[in-house]
Amino acid sequence: MWFQHKRKYWTDKDREYLSLNYMRKSNAELAEHFGVSVHSVAYQLQYLRLRRKYKWDVRKDRYLRNNYLFLTNKELAKRLKTTPQAINNRLIRLELRRSFNWTTEAEKFLMRNFLQKSDIEMANILETTPASVSKKLRRMGLKRPPRTRKDDK
């Protein structure tokens, strides 16, 4: 069934509110305020040439340097009130890379356990990230068989 959404006509008052609050509120919060989609808010921000520019400073860079090995980009983004992509870009700019040295013992552990344990479980045991485990499994050519659903039987 097709539902036509009522078009939002942006008033000068709406645009003023948007320009005063876009740095303090997310697009989702603004969309809820106006009763429109997130895309509508994004379009208006673009139309008004309003961009959020995250300001990096020495304190935030120091926090990244001290914590990037222990926290995911998502966790860092939440704590620094930015996006995971912004964190990733900043880590690249600061030349900070997470690397896990794969020992033969760790590789043997993967070979023995990849069918029984998830990437997350193995990452926790090996003290690395699930993405690192997943990438290593691909490089080793280890694939899990496709899962079958119970109702397919």
N, C-alpha and C. Protein backbone atom coordinates (compact mmCIF):
# COMPACT_ATOMS: atom_id res chain seq x y z
N MET A 1 0.85 -1.18 0.00
CA MET A 1 0.00 0.00 0.00
C MET A 1 0.89 1.24 0.00
N TRP A 2 0.56 2.20 -0.78
CA TRP A 2 1.35 3.42 -0.94
C TRP A 2 0.80 4.52 -0.05
N PHE A 3 1.67 5.10 0.74
CA PHE A 3 1.28 6.23 1.59
C PHE A 3 2.07 7.45 1.15
N GLN A 4 1.39 8.49 0.88
CA GLN A 4 2.04 9.75 0.51
C GLN A 4 2.33 10.52 1.79
N HIS A 5 3.59 10.87 1.99
CA HIS A 5 3.93 11.69 3.15
C HIS A 5 3.62 13.14 2.83
N LYS A 6 3.16 13.81 3.83
CA LYS A 6 2.88 15.22 3.66
C LYS A 6 4.20 15.97 3.57
N ARG A 7 4.32 16.81 2.58
CA ARG A 7 5.56 17.55 2.38
C ARG A 7 5.71 18.63 3.44
N LYS A 8 6.91 18.77 3.94
CA LYS A 8 7.23 19.80 4.92
C LYS A 8 7.70 21.04 4.19
N TYR A 9 7.02 22.14 4.41
CA TYR A 9 7.46 23.42 3.86
C TYR A 9 8.24 24.13 4.95
N TRP A 10 9.50 24.34 4.71
CA TRP A 10 10.38 24.94 5.69
C TRP A 10 10.19 26.45 5.71
N THR A 11 9.89 26.96 6.90
CA THR A 11 9.71 28.40 7.06
C THR A 11 11.04 29.04 7.46
N ASP A 12 11.07 30.34 7.43
CA ASP A 12 12.28 31.05 7.88
C ASP A 12 12.54 30.75 9.35
N LYS A 13 11.46 30.63 10.12
CA LYS A 13 11.60 30.31 11.55
C LYS A 13 12.20 28.91 11.72
N ASP A 14 11.76 27.94 10.89
CA ASP A 14 12.32 26.58 10.94
C ASP A 14 13.81 26.60 10.62
N ARG A 15 14.15 27.32 9.57
CA ARG A 15 15.56 27.37 9.15
C ARG A 15 16.42 28.08 10.20
N GLU A 16 15.86 29.07 10.86
CA GLU A 16 16.60 29.76 11.92
C GLU A 16 16.86 28.80 13.08
N TYR A 17 15.82 28.04 13.48
CA TYR A 17 15.98 27.06 14.55
C TYR A 17 17.06 26.05 14.16
N LEU A 18 17.01 25.59 12.91
CA LEU A 18 17.97 24.62 12.41
C LEU A 18 19.39 25.18 12.49
N SER A 19 19.58 26.41 12.02
CA SER A 19 20.92 26.97 12.05
C SER A 19 21.43 27.26 13.46
N LEU A 20 20.53 27.48 14.40
CA LEU A 20 20.95 27.71 15.78
C LEU A 20 21.24 26.41 16.53
N ASN A 21 20.65 25.30 16.08
CA ASN A 21 20.75 24.06 16.85
C ASN A 21 21.46 22.89 16.17
N TYR A 22 21.88 23.04 14.91
CA TYR A 22 22.44 21.90 14.21
C TYR A 22 23.76 21.41 14.80
N MET A 23 24.49 22.26 15.49
CA MET A 23 25.75 21.82 16.11
C MET A 23 25.51 21.13 17.45
N ARG A 24 24.36 21.40 18.07
CA ARG A 24 24.06 20.81 19.38
C ARG A 24 23.25 19.53 19.29
N LYS A 25 22.50 19.37 18.21
CA LYS A 25 21.59 18.23 18.09
C LYS A 25 21.93 17.42 16.85
N SER A 26 21.65 16.13 16.93
CA SER A 26 21.88 15.25 15.78
C SER A 26 20.77 15.44 14.75
N ASN A 27 20.99 14.95 13.56
CA ASN A 27 19.96 15.02 12.52
C ASN A 27 18.71 14.28 12.96
N ALA A 28 18.88 13.18 13.68
CA ALA A 28 17.72 12.40 14.16
C ALA A 28 16.90 13.24 15.15
N GLU A 29 17.58 13.93 16.05
CA GLU A 29 16.86 14.77 17.02
C GLU A 29 16.15 15.93 16.32
N LEU A 30 16.81 16.52 15.35
CA LEU A 30 16.19 17.62 14.61
C LEU A 30 15.00 17.11 13.78
N ALA A 31 15.15 15.93 13.19
CA ALA A 31 14.05 15.35 12.40
C ALA A 31 12.83 15.11 13.29
N GLU A 32 13.08 14.62 14.50
CA GLU A 32 11.98 14.38 15.43
C GLU A 32 11.31 15.71 15.82
N HIS A 33 12.11 16.73 16.04
CA HIS A 33 11.58 18.05 16.39
C HIS A 33 10.66 18.59 15.30
N PHE A 34 11.08 18.45 14.04
CA PHE A 34 10.31 18.99 12.92
C PHE A 34 9.26 18.02 12.38
N GLY A 35 9.33 16.75 12.81
CA GLY A 35 8.40 15.76 12.30
C GLY A 35 8.67 15.40 10.85
N VAL A 36 9.95 15.31 10.49
CA VAL A 36 10.35 14.98 9.12
C VAL A 36 11.39 13.86 9.16
N SER A 37 11.83 13.43 7.99
CA SER A 37 12.86 12.39 7.92
C SER A 37 14.24 12.99 8.17
N VAL A 38 15.18 12.12 8.51
CA VAL A 38 16.57 12.54 8.70
C VAL A 38 17.11 13.09 7.38
N HIS A 39 16.68 12.49 6.26
CA HIS A 39 17.13 12.96 4.95
C HIS A 39 16.66 14.39 4.67
N SER A 40 15.46 14.71 5.12
CA SER A 40 14.93 16.06 4.93
C SER A 40 15.78 17.08 5.69
N VAL A 41 16.16 16.73 6.90
CA VAL A 41 17.02 17.61 7.70
C VAL A 41 18.38 17.76 7.01
N ALA A 42 18.94 16.63 6.56
CA ALA A 42 20.24 16.67 5.89
C ALA A 42 20.18 17.56 4.64
N TYR A 43 19.09 17.45 3.90
CA TYR A 43 18.94 18.28 2.71
C TYR A 43 18.89 19.77 3.08
N GLN A 44 18.13 20.09 4.12
CA GLN A 44 18.04 21.49 4.54
C GLN A 44 19.40 22.02 5.00
N LEU A 45 20.15 21.19 5.72
CA LEU A 45 21.49 21.61 6.16
C LEU A 45 22.37 21.89 4.94
N GLN A 46 22.26 21.02 3.95
CA GLN A 46 23.04 21.21 2.72
C GLN A 46 22.57 22.48 1.99
N TYR A 47 21.27 22.65 1.92
CA TYR A 47 20.69 23.82 1.26
C TYR A 47 21.17 25.12 1.91
N LEU A 48 21.25 25.09 3.25
CA LEU A 48 21.69 26.27 3.99
C LEU A 48 23.21 26.36 4.11
N ARG A 49 23.89 25.39 3.52
CA ARG A 49 25.36 25.30 3.56
C ARG A 49 25.89 25.26 4.99
N LEU A 50 25.21 24.48 5.83
CA LEU A 50 25.62 24.30 7.22
C LEU A 50 26.28 22.93 7.34
N ARG A 51 27.53 22.94 7.77
CA ARG A 51 28.26 21.68 7.94
C ARG A 51 28.80 21.59 9.35
N ARG A 52 28.72 20.40 9.89
CA ARG A 52 29.34 20.17 11.20
C ARG A 52 30.80 19.84 10.95
N LYS A 53 31.65 20.58 11.55
CA LYS A 53 33.08 20.33 11.42
C LYS A 53 33.59 20.01 12.81
N TYR A 54 34.02 18.77 12.99
CA TYR A 54 34.51 18.34 14.28
C TYR A 54 35.90 18.93 14.49
N LYS A 55 36.10 19.56 15.61
CA LYS A 55 37.37 20.21 15.91
C LYS A 55 38.23 19.26 16.75
N TRP A 56 39.36 18.88 16.17
CA TRP A 56 40.31 18.06 16.91
C TRP A 56 41.26 18.99 17.67
N ASP A 57 41.55 18.60 18.90
CA ASP A 57 42.49 19.38 19.67
C ASP A 57 43.49 18.44 20.33
N VAL A 58 44.45 18.99 20.99
CA VAL A 58 45.52 18.21 21.61
C VAL A 58 44.96 17.21 22.62
N ARG A 59 43.96 17.64 23.38
CA ARG A 59 43.38 16.77 24.40
C ARG A 59 42.72 15.54 23.77
N LYS A 60 41.97 15.74 22.68
CA LYS A 60 41.29 14.64 22.01
C LYS A 60 42.30 13.71 21.32
N ASP A 61 43.32 14.30 20.73
CA ASP A 61 44.37 13.48 20.11
C ASP A 61 45.08 12.63 21.17
N ARG A 62 45.35 13.22 22.32
CA ARG A 62 46.01 12.48 23.40
C ARG A 62 45.11 11.32 23.86
N TYR A 63 43.80 11.59 23.99
CA TYR A 63 42.86 10.54 24.38
C TYR A 63 42.88 9.40 23.36
N LEU A 64 42.89 9.76 22.07
CA LEU A 64 42.96 8.73 21.02
C LEU A 64 44.23 7.91 21.15
N ARG A 65 45.37 8.59 21.30
CA ARG A 65 46.65 7.89 21.41
C ARG A 65 46.67 6.93 22.61
N ASN A 66 46.05 7.33 23.69
CA ASN A 66 46.07 6.51 24.91
C ASN A 66 45.06 5.36 24.88
N ASN A 67 44.04 5.46 24.03
CA ASN A 67 42.95 4.47 24.10
C ASN A 67 42.64 3.69 22.84
N TYR A 68 43.25 4.04 21.69
CA TYR A 68 42.84 3.40 20.45
C TYR A 68 43.13 1.91 20.41
N LEU A 69 44.10 1.44 21.18
CA LEU A 69 44.40 0.01 21.20
C LEU A 69 43.40 -0.78 22.05
N PHE A 70 42.70 -0.09 22.92
CA PHE A 70 41.81 -0.79 23.85
C PHE A 70 40.34 -0.64 23.51
N LEU A 71 39.98 0.38 22.74
CA LEU A 71 38.58 0.65 22.42
C LEU A 71 38.37 0.59 20.91
N THR A 72 37.17 0.22 20.50
CA THR A 72 36.84 0.21 19.07
C THR A 72 36.58 1.64 18.61
N ASN A 73 36.55 1.84 17.30
CA ASN A 73 36.25 3.17 16.77
C ASN A 73 34.86 3.63 17.21
N LYS A 74 33.94 2.68 17.29
CA LYS A 74 32.58 3.02 17.71
C LYS A 74 32.57 3.53 19.16
N GLU A 75 33.32 2.84 20.03
CA GLU A 75 33.39 3.26 21.43
C GLU A 75 34.11 4.61 21.57
N LEU A 76 35.18 4.78 20.81
CA LEU A 76 35.90 6.06 20.84
C LEU A 76 35.00 7.19 20.34
N ALA A 77 34.25 6.92 19.28
CA ALA A 77 33.35 7.94 18.71
C ALA A 77 32.30 8.36 19.73
N LYS A 78 31.77 7.40 20.45
CA LYS A 78 30.74 7.71 21.44
C LYS A 78 31.34 8.59 22.55
N ARG A 79 32.53 8.26 22.99
CA ARG A 79 33.16 9.02 24.07
C ARG A 79 33.60 10.41 23.62
N LEU A 80 33.99 10.54 22.35
CA LEU A 80 34.44 11.83 21.85
C LEU A 80 33.35 12.58 21.09
N LYS A 81 32.15 12.02 21.10
CA LYS A 81 30.98 12.65 20.47
C LYS A 81 31.23 12.99 19.00
N THR A 82 31.62 11.97 18.25
CA THR A 82 31.81 12.11 16.81
C THR A 82 31.42 10.78 16.16
N THR A 83 31.78 10.58 14.91
CA THR A 83 31.42 9.35 14.21
C THR A 83 32.60 8.38 14.17
N PRO A 84 32.31 7.08 14.02
CA PRO A 84 33.40 6.11 13.88
C PRO A 84 34.28 6.43 12.67
N GLN A 85 33.69 6.93 11.58
CA GLN A 85 34.48 7.27 10.40
C GLN A 85 35.43 8.42 10.70
N ALA A 86 34.98 9.39 11.48
CA ALA A 86 35.85 10.51 11.85
C ALA A 86 37.02 10.01 12.70
N ILE A 87 36.74 9.05 13.58
CA ILE A 87 37.80 8.44 14.40
C ILE A 87 38.80 7.74 13.49
N ASN A 88 38.29 6.94 12.56
CA ASN A 88 39.16 6.21 11.64
C ASN A 88 40.04 7.18 10.85
N ASN A 89 39.46 8.25 10.33
CA ASN A 89 40.22 9.23 9.56
C ASN A 89 41.31 9.88 10.42
N ARG A 90 40.96 10.18 11.67
CA ARG A 90 41.94 10.82 12.56
C ARG A 90 43.07 9.86 12.91
N LEU A 91 42.74 8.59 13.14
CA LEU A 91 43.78 7.59 13.44
C LEU A 91 44.75 7.48 12.27
N ILE A 92 44.22 7.51 11.05
CA ILE A 92 45.08 7.46 9.86
C ILE A 92 45.98 8.68 9.80
N ARG A 93 45.38 9.86 10.04
CA ARG A 93 46.15 11.11 10.00
C ARG A 93 47.25 11.11 11.07
N LEU A 94 46.96 10.53 12.23
CA LEU A 94 47.95 10.47 13.32
C LEU A 94 48.90 9.28 13.18
N GLU A 95 48.70 8.52 12.09
CA GLU A 95 49.52 7.33 11.81
C GLU A 95 49.47 6.32 12.95
N LEU A 96 48.27 6.12 13.50
CA LEU A 96 48.07 5.15 14.57
C LEU A 96 47.35 3.93 13.97
N ARG A 97 47.99 2.78 14.05
CA ARG A 97 47.39 1.57 13.50
C ARG A 97 47.31 0.51 14.57
N ARG A 98 46.22 -0.20 14.53
CA ARG A 98 46.08 -1.35 15.42
C ARG A 98 46.61 -2.56 14.66
N SER A 99 47.52 -3.27 15.26
CA SER A 99 47.99 -4.48 14.59
C SER A 99 48.12 -5.58 15.63
N PHE A 100 47.79 -6.77 15.19
CA PHE A 100 47.87 -7.94 16.06
C PHE A 100 48.91 -8.85 15.45
N ASN A 101 49.88 -9.25 16.24
CA ASN A 101 50.91 -10.15 15.75
C ASN A 101 50.41 -11.58 15.88
N TRP A 102 50.15 -12.18 14.74
CA TRP A 102 49.62 -13.53 14.72
C TRP A 102 50.73 -14.54 14.93
N THR A 103 50.66 -15.22 16.06
CA THR A 103 51.64 -16.26 16.36
C THR A 103 51.13 -17.58 15.78
N THR A 104 52.01 -18.56 15.69
CA THR A 104 51.57 -19.89 15.19
C THR A 104 50.55 -20.49 16.15
N GLU A 105 50.68 -20.20 17.45
CA GLU A 105 49.71 -20.71 18.43
C GLU A 105 48.33 -20.11 18.19
N ALA A 106 48.30 -18.81 17.90
CA ALA A 106 47.03 -18.14 17.64
C ALA A 106 46.39 -18.68 16.36
N GLU A 107 47.20 -18.92 15.34
CA GLU A 107 46.68 -19.49 14.09
C GLU A 107 46.12 -20.90 14.32
N LYS A 108 46.84 -21.69 15.12
CA LYS A 108 46.35 -23.04 15.44
C LYS A 108 45.04 -22.96 16.21
N PHE A 109 44.95 -21.99 17.13
CA PHE A 109 43.72 -21.79 17.88
C PHE A 109 42.55 -21.51 16.93
N LEU A 110 42.78 -20.65 15.94
CA LEU A 110 41.73 -20.35 14.96
C LEU A 110 41.32 -21.61 14.20
N MET A 111 42.30 -22.38 13.76
CA MET A 111 42.00 -23.58 12.99
C MET A 111 41.19 -24.58 13.81
N ARG A 112 41.51 -24.69 15.08
CA ARG A 112 40.79 -25.64 15.95
C ARG A 112 39.39 -25.16 16.32
N ASN A 113 39.18 -23.86 16.38
CA ASN A 113 37.95 -23.33 16.96
C ASN A 113 37.01 -22.57 16.04
N PHE A 114 37.40 -22.30 14.78
CA PHE A 114 36.57 -21.41 13.96
C PHE A 114 35.20 -22.00 13.65
N LEU A 115 35.05 -23.31 13.71
CA LEU A 115 33.73 -23.91 13.46
C LEU A 115 32.82 -23.87 14.69
N GLN A 116 33.42 -23.83 15.88
CA GLN A 116 32.63 -23.86 17.11
C GLN A 116 32.40 -22.48 17.72
N LYS A 117 33.33 -21.58 17.51
CA LYS A 117 33.25 -20.27 18.16
C LYS A 117 33.04 -19.16 17.13
N SER A 118 32.41 -18.07 17.58
CA SER A 118 32.21 -16.92 16.71
C SER A 118 33.50 -16.09 16.66
N ASP A 119 33.57 -15.19 15.70
CA ASP A 119 34.73 -14.29 15.61
C ASP A 119 34.88 -13.47 16.89
N ILE A 120 33.74 -13.05 17.44
CA ILE A 120 33.77 -12.25 18.66
C ILE A 120 34.36 -13.05 19.83
N GLU A 121 33.91 -14.30 19.97
CA GLU A 121 34.43 -15.14 21.07
C GLU A 121 35.93 -15.36 20.92
N MET A 122 36.36 -15.67 19.70
CA MET A 122 37.79 -15.90 19.48
C MET A 122 38.60 -14.62 19.69
N ALA A 123 38.05 -13.49 19.26
CA ALA A 123 38.74 -12.21 19.44
C ALA A 123 38.92 -11.90 20.94
N ASN A 124 37.89 -12.18 21.72
CA ASN A 124 38.00 -11.94 23.16
C ASN A 124 39.08 -12.82 23.79
N ILE A 125 39.15 -14.06 23.37
CA ILE A 125 40.15 -14.97 23.91
C ILE A 125 41.56 -14.54 23.49
N LEU A 126 41.69 -14.13 22.22
CA LEU A 126 43.01 -13.74 21.70
C LEU A 126 43.37 -12.29 21.99
N GLU A 127 42.42 -11.56 22.58
CA GLU A 127 42.61 -10.15 22.90
C GLU A 127 42.93 -9.31 21.66
N THR A 128 42.08 -9.46 20.65
CA THR A 128 42.16 -8.66 19.44
C THR A 128 40.74 -8.29 19.03
N THR A 129 40.56 -7.76 17.84
CA THR A 129 39.23 -7.35 17.40
C THR A 129 38.58 -8.44 16.54
N PRO A 130 37.24 -8.49 16.53
CA PRO A 130 36.55 -9.45 15.66
C PRO A 130 36.92 -9.25 14.19
N ALA A 131 37.12 -8.00 13.77
CA ALA A 131 37.50 -7.73 12.37
C ALA A 131 38.86 -8.35 12.05
N SER A 132 39.77 -8.30 13.00
CA SER A 132 41.09 -8.88 12.80
C SER A 132 40.98 -10.40 12.66
N VAL A 133 40.15 -11.02 13.48
CA VAL A 133 39.94 -12.47 13.40
C VAL A 133 39.32 -12.83 12.06
N SER A 134 38.29 -12.10 11.67
CA SER A 134 37.61 -12.35 10.40
C SER A 134 38.56 -12.26 9.21
N LYS A 135 39.38 -11.22 9.22
CA LYS A 135 40.35 -11.02 8.14
C LYS A 135 41.37 -12.15 8.10
N LYS A 136 41.83 -12.59 9.27
CA LYS A 136 42.82 -13.66 9.33
C LYS A 136 42.21 -14.97 8.84
N LEU A 137 40.95 -15.23 9.21
CA LEU A 137 40.29 -16.45 8.74
C LEU A 137 40.21 -16.45 7.21
N ARG A 138 39.89 -15.31 6.61
CA ARG A 138 39.82 -15.21 5.14
C ARG A 138 41.19 -15.46 4.52
N ARG A 139 42.23 -14.86 5.11
CA ARG A 139 43.58 -15.05 4.58
C ARG A 139 44.05 -16.49 4.69
N MET A 140 43.56 -17.18 5.74
CA MET A 140 43.92 -18.59 5.93
C MET A 140 43.05 -19.51 5.08
N GLY A 141 42.04 -18.95 4.44
CA GLY A 141 41.14 -19.76 3.61
C GLY A 141 40.16 -20.60 4.42
N LEU A 142 39.91 -20.20 5.66
CA LEU A 142 38.99 -20.95 6.53
C LEU A 142 37.59 -20.37 6.41
N LYS A 143 36.67 -21.20 5.91
CA LYS A 143 35.29 -20.75 5.74
C LYS A 143 34.36 -21.64 6.54
N ARG A 144 33.39 -21.01 7.14
CA ARG A 144 32.36 -21.76 7.84
C ARG A 144 31.31 -22.18 6.82
N PRO A 145 30.72 -23.39 7.01
CA PRO A 145 29.65 -23.80 6.08
C PRO A 145 28.44 -22.88 6.28
N PRO A 146 27.64 -22.71 5.19
CA PRO A 146 26.46 -21.85 5.34
C PRO A 146 25.51 -22.42 6.37
N ARG A 147 24.92 -21.54 7.13
CA ARG A 147 23.97 -21.98 8.17
C ARG A 147 22.66 -22.37 7.52
N THR A 148 22.05 -23.43 8.04
CA THR A 148 20.73 -23.81 7.56
C THR A 148 19.73 -23.44 8.63
N ARG A 149 18.59 -22.94 8.18
CA ARG A 149 17.56 -22.56 9.12
C ARG A 149 16.78 -23.78 9.56
N LYS A 150 16.32 -23.78 10.79
CA LYS A 150 15.60 -24.93 11.32
C LYS A 150 14.31 -25.20 10.57
N ASP A 151 13.61 -24.15 10.08
CA ASP A 151 12.35 -24.37 9.40
C ASP A 151 12.54 -24.80 7.95
N ASP A 152 13.79 -24.88 7.45
CA ASP A 152 14.05 -25.34 6.09
C ASP A 152 14.03 -26.86 6.00
N LYS A 153 14.06 -27.55 7.11
CA LYS A 153 14.14 -29.02 7.10
C LYS A 153 12.86 -29.64 6.62
